Amino acid sequence: MKPKIMEEVEGLRGINSLNIKEAHEAGRKVVGMYCIFSPQEISLAADAISVTLCGTTQDPVGDAERELPRNLCALIKSSYGYAITDTCPYFYFSDVLLAETTCDGKKKMYELMGKIKPMHVMNLPQTAKDDDALDIWKNEMVKFKNFLEKEFELEITDDKLRDAIKLMNRERIAMKRLHELNTHKPAPLTGMDMMLAQWLKGFNVDKEAGIELIERLITEIEERMEKGIYAFDENAPRILLTGCPIGSGSEKVLKILEESGASVVALENCTGYKGLDTLIDETKDPITAIAEKYLSTSCSCMTYNEGRLDLIKRLVEEYKVDGVVDLTWIACHTYNVESYTVRNFVKDELGLPFLQIETDYSDSDVGQIKVRTEAFLETMVSAVTA
């Protein structure tokens, strides 16, 4: 039986859709964004609502394929499909969009999407350790700040940026505490519930209310743990899910893993722990601090991306992981190529079983994934009992 407060978390889907409508009608500005590299702090400092946009279901993919190639990442097609069908309330009520050049497919799609609503594109330097990268990224932060100031006819002060940084750090701390509950063996929270709680936070119109809800969820789970109530038993294989982002509608691999008896204890991806790992330094110049935090994100679009391996190693150790599953969306070339490096690292350096699953948002391969997943888990169980 799941925590009772998860019902409130799940209810955020409908509540947030209504809240964004009411806020927009009341005159609040809305900035829609897609990526973990998007600095929400600058939007919040502009007294705007910062929301994640829809892009995690198969429903609008067919519509997108009328304009986009079929052999394109499902995340890109879903995002664009929602935009052109006007079926995402957060996109509909967004005054401006923030895009980023994290991959070529998104970059070219954004050229089309930018014809629908005002859009600002941040050019991400993809060599984080380059001496000039931070200066380039700081300049992109300033450009975005200037864009919002012009669009919304206001001034974004350093004090407002500092307040936004503190708010977002509090949200990250709360979500990180929730995630870290699963370092306990057995895990008190399913991977499905963890994913949903973290994914839905991006749609929160009221950040303070969202933080309060997660803190109440943490309290309830801790009380359940004191009573010996857990989501899985101690013998369930503990899985780290890494790779591409997932959300409601694109969680089939996570769902299959847990239906097959695994406990997905950690989500390394950018809709999971990755964005929570580093806080923004509240003592520095705010633009510099924001740029440093976001540039440190260990996405596969960065080269070299040793940070991802470091994070996987830490999560494996802290969460007592028994195996690693790497999810790759079809046509996501950076994650697909990087999977080779991750595979070797997990198997050779960490000595753990590894499985890569390459798929899309459709249900056409559910049976095949289930067979592969069950075989993978059976191998792990056999190795433990041998």
Protein backbone atom coordinates (compact mmCIF):
# COMPACT_ATOMS: atom_id res chain seq x y z
CA MET A 1 0.00 0.00 0.00
CA LYS A 2 1.47 3.34 -1.07
CA PRO A 3 1.76 6.38 1.24
CA LYS A 4 -1.53 8.28 1.57
CA ILE A 5 0.09 11.58 0.66
CA MET A 6 1.03 10.11 -2.73
CA GLU A 7 -2.65 10.56 -3.55
CA GLU A 8 -2.15 14.31 -3.10
CA VAL A 9 0.99 14.18 -5.22
CA GLU A 10 -0.85 12.38 -8.00
CA GLY A 11 -3.66 14.91 -7.70
CA LEU A 12 -1.22 17.65 -8.71
CA ARG A 13 -1.83 16.75 -12.36
CA GLY A 14 -5.32 18.21 -12.31
CA ILE A 15 -4.65 20.89 -9.70
CA ASN A 16 -1.64 22.33 -11.52
CA SER A 17 -3.55 22.49 -14.82
CA LEU A 18 -6.23 24.56 -13.09
CA ASN A 19 -3.71 26.66 -11.17
CA ILE A 20 -1.76 27.67 -14.27
CA LYS A 21 -4.97 28.80 -15.95
CA GLU A 22 -6.04 30.86 -12.96
CA ALA A 23 -2.58 32.37 -12.51
CA HIS A 24 -2.36 33.38 -16.15
CA GLU A 25 -5.82 34.91 -16.09
CA ALA A 26 -4.77 36.87 -12.98
CA GLY A 27 -1.92 38.41 -14.95
CA ARG A 28 1.02 36.22 -13.88
CA LYS A 29 3.68 35.68 -16.51
CA VAL A 30 4.60 32.09 -17.40
CA VAL A 31 7.92 30.80 -18.76
CA GLY A 32 7.74 27.32 -20.27
CA MET A 33 10.88 25.19 -20.49
CA TYR A 34 11.91 21.62 -21.21
CA CYS A 35 15.41 20.92 -19.98
CA ILE A 36 17.42 20.46 -16.80
CA PHE A 37 19.86 23.07 -18.15
CA SER A 38 17.14 25.75 -18.07
CA PRO A 39 17.75 28.17 -15.16
CA GLN A 40 14.43 28.41 -13.37
CA GLU A 41 15.93 30.92 -10.95
CA ILE A 42 16.06 33.66 -13.58
CA SER A 43 12.41 33.13 -14.49
CA LEU A 44 11.37 33.18 -10.84
CA ALA A 45 13.39 36.36 -10.29
CA ALA A 46 11.29 37.93 -13.04
CA ASP A 47 8.21 37.24 -10.88
CA ALA A 48 7.16 34.66 -13.46
CA ILE A 49 5.93 31.09 -13.02
CA SER A 50 8.48 28.59 -14.30
CA VAL A 51 6.90 25.39 -15.61
CA THR A 52 8.02 22.24 -17.36
CA LEU A 53 6.27 21.62 -20.67
CA CYS A 54 4.61 18.38 -21.80
CA GLY A 55 6.65 15.85 -23.73
CA THR A 56 6.44 12.41 -22.13
CA THR A 57 3.57 10.61 -23.87
CA GLN A 58 3.01 8.86 -27.17
CA ASP A 59 -0.34 10.59 -27.86
CA PRO A 60 0.88 13.56 -29.97
CA VAL A 61 3.79 11.79 -31.69
CA GLY A 62 1.75 10.99 -34.81
CA ASP A 63 0.84 14.65 -35.22
CA ALA A 64 4.49 15.65 -34.87
CA GLU A 65 5.55 13.13 -37.50
CA ARG A 66 3.61 15.07 -40.12
CA GLU A 67 6.36 17.69 -39.86
CA LEU A 68 9.25 15.91 -38.18
CA PRO A 69 11.10 12.76 -39.32
CA ARG A 70 9.90 9.48 -37.84
CA ASN A 71 13.45 8.42 -36.91
CA LEU A 72 13.72 11.19 -34.32
CA CYS A 73 13.76 10.91 -30.53
CA ALA A 74 10.29 10.36 -29.04
CA LEU A 75 10.88 13.10 -26.48
CA ILE A 76 11.39 15.68 -29.24
CA LYS A 77 8.39 14.48 -31.24
CA SER A 78 6.12 14.37 -28.21
CA SER A 79 7.16 17.88 -27.16
CA TYR A 80 6.52 19.30 -30.61
CA GLY A 81 3.31 17.32 -31.03
CA TYR A 82 1.88 18.83 -27.86
CA ALA A 83 2.81 22.30 -29.11
CA ILE A 84 1.17 22.04 -32.52
CA THR A 85 -1.96 20.32 -31.22
CA ASP A 86 -2.29 22.83 -28.38
CA THR A 87 -3.04 20.02 -25.92
CA CYS A 88 -0.55 20.95 -23.18
CA PRO A 89 -2.07 23.53 -20.80
CA TYR A 90 1.37 24.67 -19.67
CA PHE A 91 2.43 25.39 -23.25
CA TYR A 92 -0.89 27.10 -23.95
CA PHE A 93 -0.53 29.49 -21.00
CA SER A 94 3.21 30.15 -21.46
CA ASP A 95 4.01 33.72 -22.44
CA VAL A 96 7.52 32.82 -23.58
CA LEU A 97 9.52 29.62 -24.09
CA LEU A 98 13.08 28.85 -23.06
CA ALA A 99 14.97 26.46 -25.32
CA GLU A 100 18.53 25.13 -25.20
CA THR A 101 20.99 23.62 -27.67
CA THR A 102 21.56 20.35 -25.84
CA CYS A 103 21.15 18.19 -28.95
CA ASP A 104 20.84 18.73 -32.69
CA GLY A 105 17.34 17.26 -32.88
CA LYS A 106 15.93 19.61 -30.26
CA LYS A 107 17.82 22.56 -31.72
CA LYS A 108 16.24 22.13 -35.15
CA MET A 109 12.81 21.35 -33.68
CA TYR A 110 13.00 24.57 -31.70
CA GLU A 111 13.32 26.49 -34.98
CA LEU A 112 9.82 25.29 -35.85
CA MET A 113 8.40 25.70 -32.35
CA GLY A 114 9.72 29.25 -32.16
CA LYS A 115 7.19 30.23 -34.82
CA ILE A 116 4.36 29.41 -32.40
CA LYS A 117 5.39 31.46 -29.34
CA PRO A 118 8.18 33.90 -28.41
CA MET A 119 11.28 31.83 -27.68
CA HIS A 120 14.73 32.42 -26.31
CA VAL A 121 17.44 29.87 -27.10
CA MET A 122 20.41 29.39 -24.76
CA ASN A 123 23.55 28.13 -26.49
CA LEU A 124 25.11 25.55 -24.19
CA PRO A 125 28.91 25.14 -24.31
CA GLN A 126 29.25 21.38 -24.36
CA THR A 127 32.79 21.11 -23.01
CA ALA A 128 32.27 21.93 -19.35
CA LYS A 129 35.98 21.75 -18.46
CA ASP A 130 37.01 24.18 -21.18
CA ASP A 131 38.48 27.36 -19.70
CA ASP A 132 36.06 29.53 -21.65
CA ALA A 133 32.92 27.45 -21.03
CA LEU A 134 31.87 29.16 -17.81
CA ASP A 135 32.30 32.63 -19.30
CA ILE A 136 30.23 31.62 -22.33
CA TRP A 137 27.49 30.13 -20.14
CA LYS A 138 27.44 33.16 -17.83
CA ASN A 139 26.93 35.33 -20.90
CA GLU A 140 24.00 33.10 -21.93
CA MET A 141 22.48 33.61 -18.46
CA VAL A 142 22.76 37.38 -18.90
CA LYS A 143 21.16 37.18 -22.35
CA PHE A 144 18.21 35.24 -20.95
CA LYS A 145 17.88 37.72 -18.09
CA ASN A 146 17.87 40.60 -20.59
CA PHE A 147 15.29 38.78 -22.74
CA LEU A 148 12.87 38.43 -19.84
CA GLU A 149 13.41 42.00 -18.70
CA LYS A 150 12.50 43.23 -22.19
CA GLU A 151 9.55 40.86 -22.67
CA PHE A 152 8.04 41.51 -19.24
CA GLU A 153 9.14 45.15 -18.90
CA LEU A 154 10.78 44.81 -15.51
CA GLU A 155 14.17 44.64 -13.82
CA ILE A 156 15.65 41.42 -12.48
CA THR A 157 17.76 42.48 -9.51
CA ASP A 158 20.51 40.53 -7.76
CA ASP A 159 18.33 40.42 -4.64
CA LYS A 160 15.52 38.78 -6.58
CA LEU A 161 17.98 36.31 -8.07
CA ARG A 162 19.28 35.45 -4.59
CA ASP A 163 15.75 34.89 -3.30
CA ALA A 164 15.01 32.61 -6.27
CA ILE A 165 18.23 30.69 -5.68
CA LYS A 166 17.28 30.07 -2.05
CA LEU A 167 13.81 28.88 -3.05
CA MET A 168 15.11 26.47 -5.69
CA ASN A 169 17.79 25.17 -3.33
CA ARG A 170 15.06 24.42 -0.78
CA GLU A 171 13.12 22.51 -3.41
CA ARG A 172 16.23 20.53 -4.37
CA ILE A 173 16.99 19.72 -0.72
CA ALA A 174 13.44 18.44 -0.16
CA MET A 175 13.48 16.29 -3.30
CA LYS A 176 16.96 15.01 -2.47
CA ARG A 177 15.79 14.00 1.01
CA LEU A 178 12.87 12.13 -0.54
CA HIS A 179 15.14 10.31 -2.98
CA GLU A 180 17.66 9.42 -0.27
CA LEU A 181 15.02 7.60 1.78
CA ASN A 182 15.63 4.72 -0.62
CA THR A 183 19.20 4.30 0.60
CA HIS A 184 17.50 2.16 3.26
CA LYS A 185 17.26 -1.55 2.59
CA PRO A 186 14.50 -2.48 1.92
CA ALA A 187 13.32 0.59 0.02
CA PRO A 188 10.36 2.47 1.52
CA LEU A 189 9.30 4.06 -1.78
CA THR A 190 8.70 2.51 -5.19
CA GLY A 191 10.59 3.86 -8.17
CA MET A 192 7.25 4.68 -9.79
CA ASP A 193 6.19 6.89 -6.88
CA MET A 194 9.65 8.47 -6.73
CA MET A 195 9.53 9.28 -10.43
CA LEU A 196 6.05 10.74 -10.25
CA ALA A 197 6.86 12.97 -7.26
CA GLN A 198 9.97 14.33 -8.93
CA TRP A 199 8.44 14.70 -12.39
CA LEU A 200 5.37 16.53 -11.14
CA LYS A 201 7.45 19.12 -9.26
CA GLY A 202 8.24 20.75 -12.60
CA PHE A 203 4.56 21.63 -13.09
CA ASN A 204 4.09 23.22 -9.67
CA VAL A 205 2.69 26.72 -9.94
CA ASP A 206 3.29 27.30 -6.22
CA LYS A 207 6.82 26.24 -5.30
CA GLU A 208 6.28 26.76 -1.58
CA ALA A 209 3.22 24.51 -1.57
CA GLY A 210 5.14 21.90 -3.54
CA ILE A 211 7.99 21.89 -1.05
CA GLU A 212 5.55 21.59 1.87
CA LEU A 213 3.83 18.64 0.19
CA ILE A 214 7.11 16.77 -0.32
CA GLU A 215 8.14 17.43 3.27
CA ARG A 216 4.84 15.95 4.48
CA LEU A 217 5.40 12.94 2.21
CA ILE A 218 8.87 12.44 3.71
CA THR A 219 7.41 12.59 7.22
CA GLU A 220 4.77 9.99 6.38
CA ILE A 221 7.33 7.65 4.82
CA GLU A 222 9.63 7.98 7.84
CA GLU A 223 6.71 7.10 10.12
CA ARG A 224 5.95 4.06 7.96
CA MET A 225 9.60 3.00 8.17
CA GLU A 226 9.44 3.14 11.98
CA LYS A 227 6.52 0.70 11.75
CA GLY A 228 8.45 -1.58 9.39
CA ILE A 229 6.35 -0.72 6.32
CA TYR A 230 8.35 -0.80 3.08
CA ALA A 231 7.59 -0.87 -0.64
CA PHE A 232 9.59 -4.08 -1.26
CA ASP A 233 11.02 -6.90 0.77
CA GLU A 234 14.72 -7.11 1.55
CA ASN A 235 15.42 -9.70 -1.17
CA ALA A 236 14.17 -7.62 -4.11
CA PRO A 237 17.02 -6.80 -6.54
CA ARG A 238 17.95 -3.14 -6.09
CA ILE A 239 18.22 -1.34 -9.43
CA LEU A 240 19.72 1.99 -10.45
CA LEU A 241 17.97 3.38 -13.53
CA THR A 242 20.18 5.69 -15.57
CA GLY A 243 19.99 7.24 -19.04
CA CYS A 244 17.31 9.33 -20.70
CA PRO A 245 14.66 11.28 -18.76
CA ILE A 246 11.26 9.75 -18.10
CA GLY A 247 7.91 11.02 -16.93
CA SER A 248 4.29 10.00 -16.72
CA GLY A 249 3.58 8.28 -20.03
CA SER A 250 7.17 7.26 -20.72
CA GLU A 251 7.75 5.14 -17.63
CA LYS A 252 7.25 1.72 -19.21
CA VAL A 253 10.79 0.43 -18.48
CA LEU A 254 10.57 1.53 -14.85
CA LYS A 255 7.12 -0.02 -14.56
CA ILE A 256 8.22 -3.33 -16.13
CA LEU A 257 11.23 -3.53 -13.81
CA GLU A 258 9.07 -3.20 -10.71
CA GLU A 259 6.31 -5.45 -12.01
CA SER A 260 9.02 -8.06 -12.56
CA GLY A 261 10.06 -7.92 -8.91
CA ALA A 262 12.86 -5.35 -8.92
CA SER A 263 13.09 -2.41 -6.53
CA VAL A 264 14.19 0.65 -8.51
CA VAL A 265 15.83 2.49 -5.66
CA ALA A 266 17.53 5.34 -7.55
CA LEU A 267 16.88 7.35 -10.69
CA GLU A 268 20.12 8.89 -11.94
CA ASN A 269 18.54 10.59 -14.96
CA CYS A 270 17.76 14.30 -15.25
CA THR A 271 14.16 13.81 -14.10
CA GLY A 272 15.60 12.05 -11.07
CA TYR A 273 18.64 12.70 -8.91
CA LYS A 274 20.97 14.39 -11.40
CA GLY A 275 19.56 17.88 -11.00
CA LEU A 276 19.41 17.57 -7.21
CA ASP A 277 23.01 16.59 -6.64
CA THR A 278 24.48 20.09 -6.67
CA LEU A 279 23.04 23.17 -4.99
CA ILE A 280 23.67 26.74 -6.09
CA ASP A 281 26.25 28.60 -4.01
CA GLU A 282 24.26 31.29 -2.19
CA THR A 283 27.37 33.30 -1.27
CA LYS A 284 28.57 34.12 -4.80
CA ASP A 285 27.51 36.55 -7.47
CA PRO A 286 24.13 35.08 -8.43
CA ILE A 287 24.65 34.87 -12.20
CA THR A 288 28.04 33.20 -11.71
CA ALA A 289 26.62 30.77 -9.16
CA ILE A 290 23.66 29.84 -11.37
CA ALA A 291 25.95 29.30 -14.36
CA GLU A 292 28.31 27.09 -12.36
CA LYS A 293 25.51 24.88 -11.07
CA TYR A 294 23.86 24.26 -14.42
CA LEU A 295 27.14 23.81 -16.29
CA SER A 296 28.08 21.02 -13.85
CA THR A 297 25.13 18.89 -15.05
CA SER A 298 26.46 15.51 -16.20
CA CYS A 299 24.37 15.13 -19.36
CA SER A 300 25.49 12.94 -22.27
CA CYS A 301 25.51 16.05 -24.47
CA MET A 302 28.65 17.14 -22.58
CA THR A 303 32.11 15.96 -23.52
CA TYR A 304 33.84 14.55 -21.65
CA ASN A 305 31.15 13.39 -19.24
CA GLU A 306 33.07 11.77 -16.39
CA GLY A 307 30.66 13.36 -13.94
CA ARG A 308 27.99 10.84 -14.90
CA LEU A 309 30.26 7.93 -14.03
CA ASP A 310 31.17 9.56 -10.72
CA LEU A 311 27.48 10.02 -9.87
CA ILE A 312 26.61 6.45 -10.86
CA LYS A 313 29.38 5.14 -8.62
CA ARG A 314 28.18 7.18 -5.64
CA LEU A 315 24.57 6.13 -6.13
CA VAL A 316 25.56 2.47 -6.49
CA GLU A 317 27.42 2.61 -3.20
CA GLU A 318 24.94 4.72 -1.23
CA TYR A 319 21.83 2.89 -2.45
CA LYS A 320 23.36 -0.62 -2.20
CA VAL A 321 22.57 -1.27 -5.87
CA ASP A 322 22.59 -4.81 -7.29
CA GLY A 323 22.35 -3.92 -10.99
CA VAL A 324 22.22 -0.98 -13.42
CA VAL A 325 19.70 -0.46 -16.24
CA ASP A 326 20.48 2.17 -18.87
CA LEU A 327 17.45 3.55 -20.73
CA THR A 328 18.06 5.06 -24.18
CA TRP A 329 15.41 6.60 -26.39
CA ILE A 330 15.73 5.52 -30.01
CA ALA A 331 17.66 8.20 -31.97
CA CYS A 332 19.11 9.75 -28.81
CA HIS A 333 22.62 9.36 -30.17
CA THR A 334 24.57 10.91 -27.31
CA TYR A 335 23.09 8.59 -24.70
CA ASN A 336 23.32 5.62 -27.06
CA VAL A 337 27.03 6.13 -27.75
CA GLU A 338 27.74 6.87 -24.09
CA SER A 339 26.02 3.64 -23.04
CA TYR A 340 29.13 1.75 -24.19
CA THR A 341 31.25 3.70 -21.71
CA VAL A 342 28.70 3.26 -18.95
CA ARG A 343 28.46 -0.47 -19.64
CA ASN A 344 32.21 -0.96 -19.32
CA PHE A 345 32.36 1.16 -16.19
CA VAL A 346 29.50 -0.67 -14.45
CA LYS A 347 30.71 -4.15 -15.37
CA ASP A 348 34.48 -3.68 -15.09
CA GLU A 349 34.87 -1.01 -12.42
CA LEU A 350 31.81 -1.63 -10.26
CA GLY A 351 31.44 -5.35 -10.95
CA LEU A 352 27.67 -5.18 -11.43
CA PRO A 353 25.22 -6.59 -13.99
CA PHE A 354 24.25 -4.08 -16.70
CA LEU A 355 21.37 -3.91 -19.14
CA GLN A 356 20.77 -1.31 -21.84
CA ILE A 357 17.24 -0.92 -23.18
CA GLU A 358 16.76 1.12 -26.33
CA THR A 359 13.12 1.97 -26.97
CA ASP A 360 10.59 4.75 -27.59
CA TYR A 361 7.29 5.84 -26.04
CA SER A 362 5.11 3.25 -27.79
CA ASP A 363 3.93 -0.05 -26.30
CA SER A 364 4.98 -2.08 -29.33
CA ASP A 365 7.99 -3.67 -27.59
CA VAL A 366 6.60 -4.11 -24.08
CA GLY A 367 6.63 -7.91 -24.38
CA GLN A 368 10.22 -7.97 -25.59
CA ILE A 369 11.39 -5.62 -22.83
CA LYS A 370 9.61 -7.74 -20.24
CA VAL A 371 11.39 -10.91 -21.42
CA ARG A 372 14.79 -9.19 -21.38
CA THR A 373 14.14 -7.62 -17.99
CA GLU A 374 13.03 -10.87 -16.37
CA ALA A 375 16.08 -12.68 -17.75
CA PHE A 376 18.33 -9.90 -16.42
CA LEU A 377 16.78 -10.06 -12.97
CA GLU A 378 16.88 -13.86 -12.93
CA THR A 379 20.62 -13.74 -13.64
CA MET A 380 21.08 -11.37 -10.72
CA VAL A 381 19.07 -13.56 -8.35
CA SER A 382 20.98 -16.66 -9.48
CA ALA A 383 24.31 -14.93 -8.85
CA VAL A 384 23.27 -13.95 -5.33
CA THR A 385 22.01 -17.44 -4.38
CA ALA A 386 24.88 -19.34 -6.04
